[in-house]
Structures are given as C-alpha cells and as structure tokens.
Full PDB file with SEQRES, HELIX, SHEET, SSBOND, CRYST1, ORIGX, SCALE, CONECT and MASTER records, all heavy atoms in Angstrom:
SEQRES   1 A   38  GLY GLN GLN LYS LEU ILE ILE TYR SER MET GLY ASN PHE          
SEQRES   2 A   38  ILE SER ASN GLN ARG ILE GLU THR MET ASP GLY VAL ASP          
SEQRES   3 A   38  SER ALA LYS TRP THR GLU ARG GLY VAL LEU MET ASP              
HELIX    1 AA1 ALA A   28  GLU A   32  5                                   5    
CRYST1    1.000    1.000    1.000  90.00  90.00  90.00 P 1           1          
ORIGX1      1.000000  0.000000  0.000000        0.00000                         
ORIGX2      0.000000  1.000000  0.000000        0.00000                         
ORIGX3      0.000000  0.000000  1.000000        0.00000                         
SCALE1      1.000000  0.000000  0.000000        0.00000                         
SCALE2      0.000000  1.000000  0.000000        0.00000                         
SCALE3      0.000000  0.000000  1.000000        0.00000                         
ATOM      1  N   GLY A   1       0.784  -1.225   0.000  1.00  0.00           N  
ATOM      2  CA  GLY A   1       0.000   0.000   0.000  1.00  0.00           C  
ATOM      3  C   GLY A   1       0.815   1.273   0.000  1.00  0.00           C  
ATOM      4  O   GLY A   1       0.252   2.371   0.090  1.00  0.00           O  
ATOM      5  N   GLN A   2       2.140   1.157  -0.113  1.00  0.00           N  
ATOM      6  CA  GLN A   2       3.009   2.333  -0.129  1.00  0.00           C  
ATOM      7  C   GLN A   2       3.810   2.370  -1.423  1.00  0.00           C  
ATOM      8  O   GLN A   2       3.966   1.364  -2.109  1.00  0.00           O  
ATOM      9  CB  GLN A   2       3.972   2.317   1.058  1.00  0.00           C  
ATOM     10  CG  GLN A   2       3.321   2.464   2.411  1.00  0.00           C  
ATOM     11  CD  GLN A   2       4.343   2.569   3.526  1.00  0.00           C  
ATOM     12  OE1 GLN A   2       5.551   2.605   3.301  1.00  0.00           O  
ATOM     13  NE2 GLN A   2       3.863   2.619   4.756  1.00  0.00           N  
ATOM     14  N   GLN A   3       4.341   3.567  -1.729  1.00  0.00           N  
ATOM     15  CA  GLN A   3       5.195   3.733  -2.894  1.00  0.00           C  
ATOM     16  C   GLN A   3       6.662   3.715  -2.465  1.00  0.00           C  
ATOM     17  O   GLN A   3       7.058   4.443  -1.557  1.00  0.00           O  
ATOM     18  CB  GLN A   3       4.890   5.050  -3.612  1.00  0.00           C  
ATOM     19  CG  GLN A   3       3.538   5.090  -4.282  1.00  0.00           C  
ATOM     20  CD  GLN A   3       3.348   6.322  -5.149  1.00  0.00           C  
ATOM     21  OE1 GLN A   3       2.982   6.232  -6.305  1.00  0.00           O  
ATOM     22  NE2 GLN A   3       3.590   7.480  -4.576  1.00  0.00           N  
ATOM     23  N   LYS A   4       7.455   2.881  -3.122  1.00  0.00           N  
ATOM     24  CA  LYS A   4       8.897   2.823  -2.915  1.00  0.00           C  
ATOM     25  C   LYS A   4       9.574   3.396  -4.160  1.00  0.00           C  
ATOM     26  O   LYS A   4       8.995   3.373  -5.255  1.00  0.00           O  
ATOM     27  CB  LYS A   4       9.363   1.391  -2.681  1.00  0.00           C  
ATOM     28  CG  LYS A   4       8.519   0.605  -1.672  1.00  0.00           C  
ATOM     29  CD  LYS A   4       8.578   1.192  -0.274  1.00  0.00           C  
ATOM     30  CE  LYS A   4       7.769   0.347   0.694  1.00  0.00           C  
ATOM     31  NZ  LYS A   4       7.834   0.848   2.088  1.00  0.00           N  
ATOM     32  N   LEU A   5      10.793   3.896  -3.991  1.00  0.00           N  
ATOM     33  CA  LEU A   5      11.463   4.591  -5.094  1.00  0.00           C  
ATOM     34  C   LEU A   5      12.789   3.934  -5.466  1.00  0.00           C  
ATOM     35  O   LEU A   5      13.603   3.627  -4.593  1.00  0.00           O  
ATOM     36  CB  LEU A   5      11.725   6.053  -4.712  1.00  0.00           C  
ATOM     37  CG  LEU A   5      12.527   6.884  -5.731  1.00  0.00           C  
ATOM     38  CD1 LEU A   5      11.762   7.019  -7.048  1.00  0.00           C  
ATOM     39  CD2 LEU A   5      12.848   8.258  -5.163  1.00  0.00           C  
ATOM     40  N   ILE A   6      12.979   3.739  -6.770  1.00  0.00           N  
ATOM     41  CA  ILE A   6      14.269   3.288  -7.307  1.00  0.00           C  
ATOM     42  C   ILE A   6      14.737   4.302  -8.336  1.00  0.00           C  
ATOM     43  O   ILE A   6      13.975   4.667  -9.244  1.00  0.00           O  
ATOM     44  CB  ILE A   6      14.163   1.909  -7.994  1.00  0.00           C  
ATOM     45  CG1 ILE A   6      13.701   0.829  -7.008  1.00  0.00           C  
ATOM     46  CG2 ILE A   6      15.504   1.516  -8.612  1.00  0.00           C  
ATOM     47  CD1 ILE A   6      13.421  -0.512  -7.675  1.00  0.00           C  
ATOM     48  N   ILE A   7      15.975   4.773  -8.215  1.00  0.00           N  
ATOM     49  CA  ILE A   7      16.648   5.469  -9.311  1.00  0.00           C  
ATOM     50  C   ILE A   7      17.848   4.579  -9.628  1.00  0.00           C  
ATOM     51  O   ILE A   7      18.723   4.377  -8.786  1.00  0.00           O  
ATOM     52  CB  ILE A   7      17.052   6.916  -8.950  1.00  0.00           C  
ATOM     53  CG1 ILE A   7      17.864   7.557 -10.085  1.00  0.00           C  
ATOM     54  CG2 ILE A   7      17.815   7.006  -7.638  1.00  0.00           C  
ATOM     55  CD1 ILE A   7      17.030   8.087 -11.205  1.00  0.00           C  
ATOM     56  N   TYR A   8      17.838   3.987 -10.819  1.00  0.00           N  
ATOM     57  CA  TYR A   8      18.820   2.947 -11.134  1.00  0.00           C  
ATOM     58  C   TYR A   8      20.245   3.478 -11.189  1.00  0.00           C  
ATOM     59  O   TYR A   8      21.191   2.758 -10.865  1.00  0.00           O  
ATOM     60  CB  TYR A   8      18.430   2.232 -12.422  1.00  0.00           C  
ATOM     61  CG  TYR A   8      17.299   1.267 -12.203  1.00  0.00           C  
ATOM     62  CD1 TYR A   8      15.977   1.624 -12.483  1.00  0.00           C  
ATOM     63  CD2 TYR A   8      17.539   0.010 -11.670  1.00  0.00           C  
ATOM     64  CE1 TYR A   8      14.935   0.733 -12.254  1.00  0.00           C  
ATOM     65  CE2 TYR A   8      16.502  -0.886 -11.426  1.00  0.00           C  
ATOM     66  CZ  TYR A   8      15.197  -0.511 -11.723  1.00  0.00           C  
ATOM     67  OH  TYR A   8      14.158  -1.383 -11.470  1.00  0.00           O  
ATOM     68  N   SER A   9      20.422   4.727 -11.575  1.00  0.00           N  
ATOM     69  CA  SER A   9      21.737   5.358 -11.501  1.00  0.00           C  
ATOM     70  C   SER A   9      21.552   6.868 -11.449  1.00  0.00           C  
ATOM     71  O   SER A   9      20.786   7.426 -12.241  1.00  0.00           O  
ATOM     72  CB  SER A   9      22.621   4.986 -12.694  1.00  0.00           C  
ATOM     73  OG  SER A   9      23.841   5.721 -12.657  1.00  0.00           O  
ATOM     74  N   MET A  10      22.259   7.507 -10.535  1.00  0.00           N  
ATOM     75  CA  MET A  10      22.180   8.970 -10.401  1.00  0.00           C  
ATOM     76  C   MET A  10      23.226   9.685 -11.250  1.00  0.00           C  
ATOM     77  O   MET A  10      23.254  10.912 -11.297  1.00  0.00           O  
ATOM     78  CB  MET A  10      22.325   9.365  -8.926  1.00  0.00           C  
ATOM     79  CG  MET A  10      21.215   8.846  -8.045  1.00  0.00           C  
ATOM     80  SD  MET A  10      21.323   9.393  -6.314  1.00  0.00           S  
ATOM     81  CE  MET A  10      22.734   8.432  -5.740  1.00  0.00           C  
ATOM     82  N   GLY A  11      24.108   8.909 -11.920  1.00  0.00           N  
ATOM     83  CA  GLY A  11      25.088   9.513 -12.809  1.00  0.00           C  
ATOM     84  C   GLY A  11      26.205  10.231 -12.080  1.00  0.00           C  
ATOM     85  O   GLY A  11      26.399  10.079 -10.872  1.00  0.00           O  
ATOM     86  N   ASN A  12      26.959  11.033 -12.822  1.00  0.00           N  
ATOM     87  CA  ASN A  12      28.049  11.828 -12.242  1.00  0.00           C  
ATOM     88  C   ASN A  12      27.509  13.137 -11.689  1.00  0.00           C  
ATOM     89  O   ASN A  12      26.655  13.779 -12.302  1.00  0.00           O  
ATOM     90  CB  ASN A  12      29.109  12.144 -13.298  1.00  0.00           C  
ATOM     91  CG  ASN A  12      29.897  10.924 -13.726  1.00  0.00           C  
ATOM     92  OD1 ASN A  12      30.075   9.985 -12.948  1.00  0.00           O  
ATOM     93  ND2 ASN A  12      30.377  10.923 -14.965  1.00  0.00           N  
ATOM     94  N   PHE A  13      28.043  13.543 -10.545  1.00  0.00           N  
ATOM     95  CA  PHE A  13      27.672  14.836  -9.981  1.00  0.00           C  
ATOM     96  C   PHE A  13      28.787  15.861 -10.178  1.00  0.00           C  
ATOM     97  O   PHE A  13      28.530  17.030 -10.382  1.00  0.00           O  
ATOM     98  CB  PHE A  13      27.353  14.680  -8.491  1.00  0.00           C  
ATOM     99  CG  PHE A  13      26.554  15.826  -7.925  1.00  0.00           C  
ATOM    100  CD1 PHE A  13      25.253  16.062  -8.347  1.00  0.00           C  
ATOM    101  CD2 PHE A  13      27.096  16.664  -6.958  1.00  0.00           C  
ATOM    102  CE1 PHE A  13      24.505  17.118  -7.821  1.00  0.00           C  
ATOM    103  CE2 PHE A  13      26.357  17.709  -6.421  1.00  0.00           C  
ATOM    104  CZ  PHE A  13      25.063  17.936  -6.860  1.00  0.00           C  
ATOM    105  N   ILE A  14      30.037  15.409 -10.097  1.00  0.00           N  
ATOM    106  CA  ILE A  14      31.184  16.257 -10.447  1.00  0.00           C  
ATOM    107  C   ILE A  14      32.257  15.332 -11.014  1.00  0.00           C  
ATOM    108  O   ILE A  14      32.563  14.291 -10.432  1.00  0.00           O  
ATOM    109  CB  ILE A  14      31.719  17.056  -9.227  1.00  0.00           C  
ATOM    110  CG1 ILE A  14      32.817  18.050  -9.650  1.00  0.00           C  
ATOM    111  CG2 ILE A  14      32.224  16.135  -8.146  1.00  0.00           C  
ATOM    112  CD1 ILE A  14      32.303  19.258 -10.350  1.00  0.00           C  
ATOM    113  N   SER A  15      32.791  15.683 -12.177  1.00  0.00           N  
ATOM    114  CA  SER A  15      33.853  14.882 -12.794  1.00  0.00           C  
ATOM    115  C   SER A  15      34.384  15.648 -13.999  1.00  0.00           C  
ATOM    116  O   SER A  15      33.901  16.739 -14.329  1.00  0.00           O  
ATOM    117  CB  SER A  15      33.324  13.509 -13.234  1.00  0.00           C  
ATOM    118  OG  SER A  15      32.652  13.601 -14.483  1.00  0.00           O  
ATOM    119  N   ASN A  16      35.375  15.049 -14.695  1.00  0.00           N  
ATOM    120  CA  ASN A  16      35.889  15.626 -15.931  1.00  0.00           C  
ATOM    121  C   ASN A  16      35.357  14.864 -17.143  1.00  0.00           C  
ATOM    122  O   ASN A  16      35.806  15.088 -18.265  1.00  0.00           O  
ATOM    123  CB  ASN A  16      37.428  15.611 -15.933  1.00  0.00           C  
ATOM    124  CG  ASN A  16      38.008  16.443 -17.057  1.00  0.00           C  
ATOM    125  OD1 ASN A  16      37.553  17.561 -17.333  1.00  0.00           O  
ATOM    126  ND2 ASN A  16      39.012  15.908 -17.749  1.00  0.00           N  
ATOM    127  N   GLN A  17      34.403  13.973 -16.920  1.00  0.00           N  
ATOM    128  CA  GLN A  17      33.802  13.263 -18.031  1.00  0.00           C  
ATOM    129  C   GLN A  17      32.752  14.154 -18.695  1.00  0.00           C  
ATOM    130  O   GLN A  17      31.871  14.689 -18.025  1.00  0.00           O  
ATOM    131  CB  GLN A  17      33.161  11.952 -17.552  1.00  0.00           C  
ATOM    132  CG  GLN A  17      34.174  10.912 -17.108  1.00  0.00           C  
ATOM    133  CD  GLN A  17      33.534   9.582 -16.741  1.00  0.00           C  
ATOM    134  OE1 GLN A  17      32.387   9.529 -16.308  1.00  0.00           O  
ATOM    135  NE2 GLN A  17      34.281   8.503 -16.904  1.00  0.00           N  
ATOM    136  N   ARG A  18      32.855  14.285 -20.026  1.00  0.00           N  
ATOM    137  CA  ARG A  18      31.952  15.168 -20.767  1.00  0.00           C  
ATOM    138  C   ARG A  18      32.145  14.945 -22.263  1.00  0.00           C  
ATOM    139  O   ARG A  18      33.000  14.141 -22.675  1.00  0.00           O  
ATOM    140  CB  ARG A  18      32.200  16.623 -20.388  1.00  0.00           C  
ATOM    141  CG  ARG A  18      33.628  17.082 -20.590  1.00  0.00           C  
ATOM    142  CD  ARG A  18      33.964  18.387 -19.872  1.00  0.00           C  
ATOM    143  NE  ARG A  18      33.024  19.444 -20.147  1.00  0.00           N  
ATOM    144  CZ  ARG A  18      32.066  19.841 -19.290  1.00  0.00           C  
ATOM    145  NH1 ARG A  18      31.955  19.244 -18.124  1.00  0.00           N  
ATOM    146  NH2 ARG A  18      31.257  20.816 -19.607  1.00  0.00           N  
ATOM    147  N   ILE A  19      31.375  15.675 -23.047  1.00  0.00           N  
ATOM    148  CA  ILE A  19      31.456  15.533 -24.502  1.00  0.00           C  
ATOM    149  C   ILE A  19      32.889  15.694 -24.987  1.00  0.00           C  
ATOM    150  O   ILE A  19      33.376  14.934 -25.821  1.00  0.00           O  
ATOM    151  CB  ILE A  19      30.541  16.569 -25.197  1.00  0.00           C  
ATOM    152  CG1 ILE A  19      29.070  16.256 -24.912  1.00  0.00           C  
ATOM    153  CG2 ILE A  19      30.803  16.589 -26.698  1.00  0.00           C  
ATOM    154  CD1 ILE A  19      28.107  17.301 -25.451  1.00  0.00           C  
ATOM    155  N   GLU A  20      33.600  16.679 -24.433  1.00  0.00           N  
ATOM    156  CA  GLU A  20      34.943  17.018 -24.917  1.00  0.00           C  
ATOM    157  C   GLU A  20      35.998  15.974 -24.546  1.00  0.00           C  
ATOM    158  O   GLU A  20      37.095  15.963 -25.134  1.00  0.00           O  
ATOM    159  CB  GLU A  20      35.381  18.384 -24.365  1.00  0.00           C  
ATOM    160  CG  GLU A  20      34.546  19.567 -24.850  1.00  0.00           C  
ATOM    161  CD  GLU A  20      33.299  19.820 -24.016  1.00  0.00           C  
ATOM    162  OE1 GLU A  20      32.991  18.983 -23.127  1.00  0.00           O  
ATOM    163  OE2 GLU A  20      32.627  20.853 -24.243  1.00  0.00           O  
ATOM    164  N   THR A  21      35.715  15.127 -23.560  1.00  0.00           N  
ATOM    165  CA  THR A  21      36.748  14.194 -23.086  1.00  0.00           C  
ATOM    166  C   THR A  21      36.410  12.726 -23.323  1.00  0.00           C  
ATOM    167  O   THR A  21      37.238  11.856 -23.041  1.00  0.00           O  
ATOM    168  CB  THR A  21      36.979  14.377 -21.569  1.00  0.00           C  
ATOM    169  OG1 THR A  21      35.785  14.053 -20.851  1.00  0.00           O  
ATOM    170  CG2 THR A  21      37.395  15.802 -21.248  1.00  0.00           C  
ATOM    171  N   MET A  22      35.217  12.434 -23.818  1.00  0.00           N  
ATOM    172  CA  MET A  22      34.768  11.040 -23.924  1.00  0.00           C  
ATOM    173  C   MET A  22      34.617  10.615 -25.384  1.00  0.00           C  
ATOM    174  O   MET A  22      33.572  10.125 -25.818  1.00  0.00           O  
ATOM    175  CB  MET A  22      33.445  10.858 -23.172  1.00  0.00           C  
ATOM    176  CG  MET A  22      33.517  11.175 -21.689  1.00  0.00           C  
ATOM    177  SD  MET A  22      34.612  10.065 -20.775  1.00  0.00           S  
ATOM    178  CE  MET A  22      33.653   8.558 -20.809  1.00  0.00           C  
ATOM    179  N   ASP A  23      35.680  10.792 -26.163  1.00  0.00           N  
ATOM    180  CA  ASP A  23      35.658  10.386 -27.566  1.00  0.00           C  
ATOM    181  C   ASP A  23      35.366   8.894 -27.690  1.00  0.00           C  
ATOM    182  O   ASP A  23      35.923   8.069 -26.954  1.00  0.00           O  
ATOM    183  CB  ASP A  23      37.016  10.686 -28.225  1.00  0.00           C  
ATOM    184  CG  ASP A  23      37.278  12.176 -28.344  1.00  0.00           C  
ATOM    185  OD1 ASP A  23      36.304  12.950 -28.306  1.00  0.00           O  
ATOM    186  OD2 ASP A  23      38.463  12.564 -28.458  1.00  0.00           O  
ATOM    187  N   GLY A  24      34.488   8.557 -28.607  1.00  0.00           N  
ATOM    188  CA  GLY A  24      34.187   7.153 -28.855  1.00  0.00           C  
ATOM    189  C   GLY A  24      33.101   6.579 -27.972  1.00  0.00           C  
ATOM    190  O   GLY A  24      32.727   5.414 -28.132  1.00  0.00           O  
ATOM    191  N   VAL A  25      32.584   7.369 -27.036  1.00  0.00           N  
ATOM    192  CA  VAL A  25      31.507   6.907 -26.159  1.00  0.00           C  
ATOM    193  C   VAL A  25      30.199   7.517 -26.660  1.00  0.00           C  
ATOM    194  O   VAL A  25      30.038   8.741 -26.669  1.00  0.00           O  
ATOM    195  CB  VAL A  25      31.764   7.305 -24.693  1.00  0.00           C  
ATOM    196  CG1 VAL A  25      30.586   6.891 -23.808  1.00  0.00           C  
ATOM    197  CG2 VAL A  25      33.050   6.660 -24.194  1.00  0.00           C  
ATOM    198  N   ASP A  26      29.271   6.687 -27.087  1.00  0.00           N  
ATOM    199  CA  ASP A  26      28.018   7.174 -27.664  1.00  0.00           C  
ATOM    200  C   ASP A  26      27.227   8.044 -26.691  1.00  0.00           C  
ATOM    201  O   ASP A  26      26.533   8.981 -27.105  1.00  0.00           O  
ATOM    202  CB  ASP A  26      27.154   5.991 -28.116  1.00  0.00           C  
ATOM    203  CG  ASP A  26      27.763   5.249 -29.297  1.00  0.00           C  
ATOM    204  OD1 ASP A  26      28.599   5.846 -29.999  1.00  0.00           O  
ATOM    205  OD2 ASP A  26      27.414   4.067 -29.502  1.00  0.00           O  
ATOM    206  N   SER A  27      27.316   7.720 -25.406  1.00  0.00           N  
ATOM    207  CA  SER A  27      26.544   8.466 -24.403  1.00  0.00           C  
ATOM    208  C   SER A  27      27.375   9.563 -23.734  1.00  0.00           C  
ATOM    209  O   SER A  27      27.119   9.941 -22.598  1.00  0.00           O  
ATOM    210  CB  SER A  27      26.013   7.504 -23.337  1.00  0.00           C  
ATOM    211  OG  SER A  27      27.086   6.789 -22.736  1.00  0.00           O  
ATOM    212  N   ALA A  28      28.366  10.091 -24.461  1.00  0.00           N  
ATOM    213  CA  ALA A  28      29.307  11.057 -23.881  1.00  0.00           C  
ATOM    214  C   ALA A  28      28.609  12.245 -23.228  1.00  0.00           C  
ATOM    215  O   ALA A  28      28.990  12.675 -22.125  1.00  0.00           O  
ATOM    216  CB  ALA A  28      30.277  11.542 -24.951  1.00  0.00           C  
ATOM    217  N   LYS A  29      27.587  12.799 -23.874  1.00  0.00           N  
ATOM    218  CA  LYS A  29      26.927  13.985 -23.319  1.00  0.00           C  
ATOM    219  C   LYS A  29      26.232  13.683 -21.992  1.00  0.00           C  
ATOM    220  O   LYS A  29      26.017  14.578 -21.171  1.00  0.00           O  
ATOM    221  CB  LYS A  29      25.944  14.575 -24.313  1.00  0.00           C  
ATOM    222  CG  LYS A  29      24.714  13.714 -24.588  1.00  0.00           C  
ATOM    223  CD  LYS A  29      23.772  14.416 -25.568  1.00  0.00           C  
ATOM    224  CE  LYS A  29      22.519  13.580 -25.837  1.00  0.00           C  
ATOM    225  NZ  LYS A  29      21.612  14.275 -26.800  1.00  0.00           N  
ATOM    226  N   TRP A  30      25.899  12.417 -21.777  1.00  0.00           N  
ATOM    227  CA  TRP A  30      25.215  12.047 -20.542  1.00  0.00           C  
ATOM    228  C   TRP A  30      26.174  11.956 -19.362  1.00  0.00           C  
ATOM    229  O   TRP A  30      25.739  11.974 -18.208  1.00  0.00           O  
ATOM    230  CB  TRP A  30      24.481  10.718 -20.723  1.00  0.00           C  
ATOM    231  CG  TRP A  30      23.350  10.808 -21.709  1.00  0.00           C  
ATOM    232  CD1 TRP A  30      23.417  10.601 -23.056  1.00  0.00           C  
ATOM    233  CD2 TRP A  30      21.999  11.161 -21.419  1.00  0.00           C  
ATOM    234  NE1 TRP A  30      22.187  10.795 -23.622  1.00  0.00           N  
ATOM    235  CE2 TRP A  30      21.293  11.138 -22.639  1.00  0.00           C  
ATOM    236  CE3 TRP A  30      21.303  11.479 -20.259  1.00  0.00           C  
ATOM    237  CZ2 TRP A  30      19.932  11.420 -22.737  1.00  0.00           C  
ATOM    238  CZ3 TRP A  30      19.952  11.760 -20.340  1.00  0.00           C  
ATOM    239  CH2 TRP A  30      19.282  11.729 -21.561  1.00  0.00           C  
ATOM    240  N   THR A  31      27.480  11.863 -19.615  1.00  0.00           N  
ATOM    241  CA  THR A  31      28.445  11.765 -18.514  1.00  0.00           C  
ATOM    242  C   THR A  31      28.622  13.085 -17.777  1.00  0.00           C  
ATOM    243  O   THR A  31      29.126  13.097 -16.656  1.00  0.00           O  
ATOM    244  CB  THR A  31      29.817  11.281 -19.013  1.00  0.00           C  
ATOM    245  OG1 THR A  31      30.368  12.241 -19.920  1.00  0.00           O  
ATOM    246  CG2 THR A  31      29.707   9.927 -19.697  1.00  0.00           C  
ATOM    247  N   GLU A  32      28.241  14.194 -18.413  1.00  0.00           N  
ATOM    248  CA  GLU A  32      28.345  15.501 -17.754  1.00  0.00           C  
ATOM    249  C   GLU A  32      27.046  15.876 -17.039  1.00  0.00           C  
ATOM    250  O   GLU A  32      26.926  16.959 -16.480  1.00  0.00           O  
ATOM    251  CB  GLU A  32      28.715  16.576 -18.767  1.00  0.00           C  
ATOM    252  CG  GLU A  32      27.690  16.763 -19.876  1.00  0.00           C  
ATOM    253  CD  GLU A  32      28.223  17.570 -21.044  1.00  0.00           C  
ATOM    254  OE1 GLU A  32      29.368  17.326 -21.494  1.00  0.00           O  
ATOM    255  OE2 GLU A  32      27.486  18.464 -21.520  1.00  0.00           O  
ATOM    256  N   ARG A  33      26.087  14.960 -17.045  1.00  0.00           N  
ATOM    257  CA  ARG A  33      24.782  15.194 -16.433  1.00  0.00           C  
ATOM    258  C   ARG A  33      24.579  14.270 -15.229  1.00  0.00           C  
ATOM    259  O   ARG A  33      25.148  13.180 -15.163  1.00  0.00           O  
ATOM    260  CB  ARG A  33      23.669  14.942 -17.448  1.00  0.00           C  
ATOM    261  CG  ARG A  33      23.787  15.759 -18.721  1.00  0.00           C  
ATOM    262  CD  ARG A  33      22.784  15.285 -19.757  1.00  0.00           C  
ATOM    263  NE  ARG A  33      22.837  16.036 -21.009  1.00  0.00           N  
ATOM    264  CZ  ARG A  33      22.080  15.796 -22.054  1.00  0.00           C  
ATOM    265  NH1 ARG A  33      21.190  14.800 -22.016  1.00  0.00           N  
ATOM    266  NH2 ARG A  33      22.187  16.524 -23.162  1.00  0.00           N  
ATOM    267  N   GLY A  34      23.747  14.711 -14.324  1.00  0.00           N  
ATOM    268  CA  GLY A  34      23.410  13.887 -13.164  1.00  0.00           C  
ATOM    269  C   GLY A  34      22.064  14.308 -12.619  1.00  0.00           C  
ATOM    270  O   GLY A  34      21.330  15.088 -13.240  1.00  0.00           O  
ATOM    271  N   VAL A  35      21.734  13.806 -11.432  1.00  0.00           N  
ATOM    272  CA  VAL A  35      20.508  14.231 -10.753  1.00  0.00           C  
ATOM    273  C   VAL A  35      20.804  14.473  -9.274  1.00  0.00           C  
ATOM    274  O   VAL A  35      21.652  13.807  -8.683  1.00  0.00           O  
ATOM    275  CB  VAL A  35      19.359  13.202 -10.858  1.00  0.00           C  
ATOM    276  CG1 VAL A  35      18.794  13.157 -12.260  1.00  0.00           C  
ATOM    277  CG2 VAL A  35      19.797  11.830 -10.404  1.00  0.00           C  
ATOM    278  N   LEU A  36      20.093  15.430  -8.734  1.00  0.00           N  
ATOM    279  CA  LEU A  36      20.046  15.616  -7.284  1.00  0.00           C  
ATOM    280  C   LEU A  36      18.683  15.108  -6.846  1.00  0.00           C  
ATOM    281  O   LEU A  36      17.656  15.728  -7.133  1.00  0.00           O  
ATOM    282  CB  LEU A  36      20.217  17.091  -6.917  1.00  0.00           C  
ATOM    283  CG  LEU A  36      20.109  17.407  -5.412  1.00  0.00           C  
ATOM    284  CD1 LEU A  36      21.230  16.742  -4.631  1.00  0.00           C  
ATOM    285  CD2 LEU A  36      20.123  18.921  -5.175  1.00  0.00           C  
ATOM    286  N   MET A  37      18.675  13.966  -6.179  1.00  0.00           N  
ATOM    287  CA  MET A  37      17.413  13.403  -5.695  1.00  0.00           C  
ATOM    288  C   MET A  37      16.967  14.183  -4.464  1.00  0.00           C  
ATOM    289  O   MET A  37      17.774  14.472  -3.565  1.00  0.00           O  
ATOM    290  CB  MET A  37      17.579  11.922  -5.364  1.00  0.00           C  
ATOM    291  CG  MET A  37      17.996  11.068  -6.563  1.00  0.00           C  
ATOM    292  SD  MET A  37      16.885  11.205  -7.981  1.00  0.00           S  
ATOM    293  CE  MET A  37      15.354  10.544  -7.291  1.00  0.00           C  
ATOM    294  N   ASP A  38      15.695  14.525  -4.422  1.00  0.00           N  
ATOM    295  CA  ASP A  38      15.153  15.410  -3.387  1.00  0.00           C  
ATOM    296  C   ASP A  38      13.842  14.796  -2.879  1.00  0.00           C  
ATOM    297  O   ASP A  38      12.830  14.821  -3.570  1.00  0.00           O  
ATOM    298  CB  ASP A  38      14.922  16.798  -4.005  1.00  0.00           C  
ATOM    299  CG  ASP A  38      14.529  17.844  -2.971  1.00  0.00           C  
ATOM    300  OD1 ASP A  38      14.259  17.488  -1.806  1.00  0.00           O  
ATOM    301  OD2 ASP A  38      14.507  19.036  -3.336  1.00  0.00           O  
TER     302      ASP A  38                                                      
MASTER        0    0    0    1    0    0    0    6  301    1    0    3          
END                                                                             
C-alpha cells in the first residue's frame, strides 16, 4: 500500500567526463549530467 522509489543510476555529480573528453563513447553527453534526488 506504499510507494517505494528506485533510481537505477544517479550519474556523475562532479567529474571531468563530458562531450569534450569522452571520444568514442556514444553516451558522452550524458556523462556531464546527473541528478540531485530530493
């Protein structure tokens, strides 16, 4: 009767991974993104 929460991955919050540094990785733009769960 209750709701439980799963976020399968919150990603990077701070790093040097990004479009400019992740050549050859299809999801490169996603490495510079993350979530703050609230």
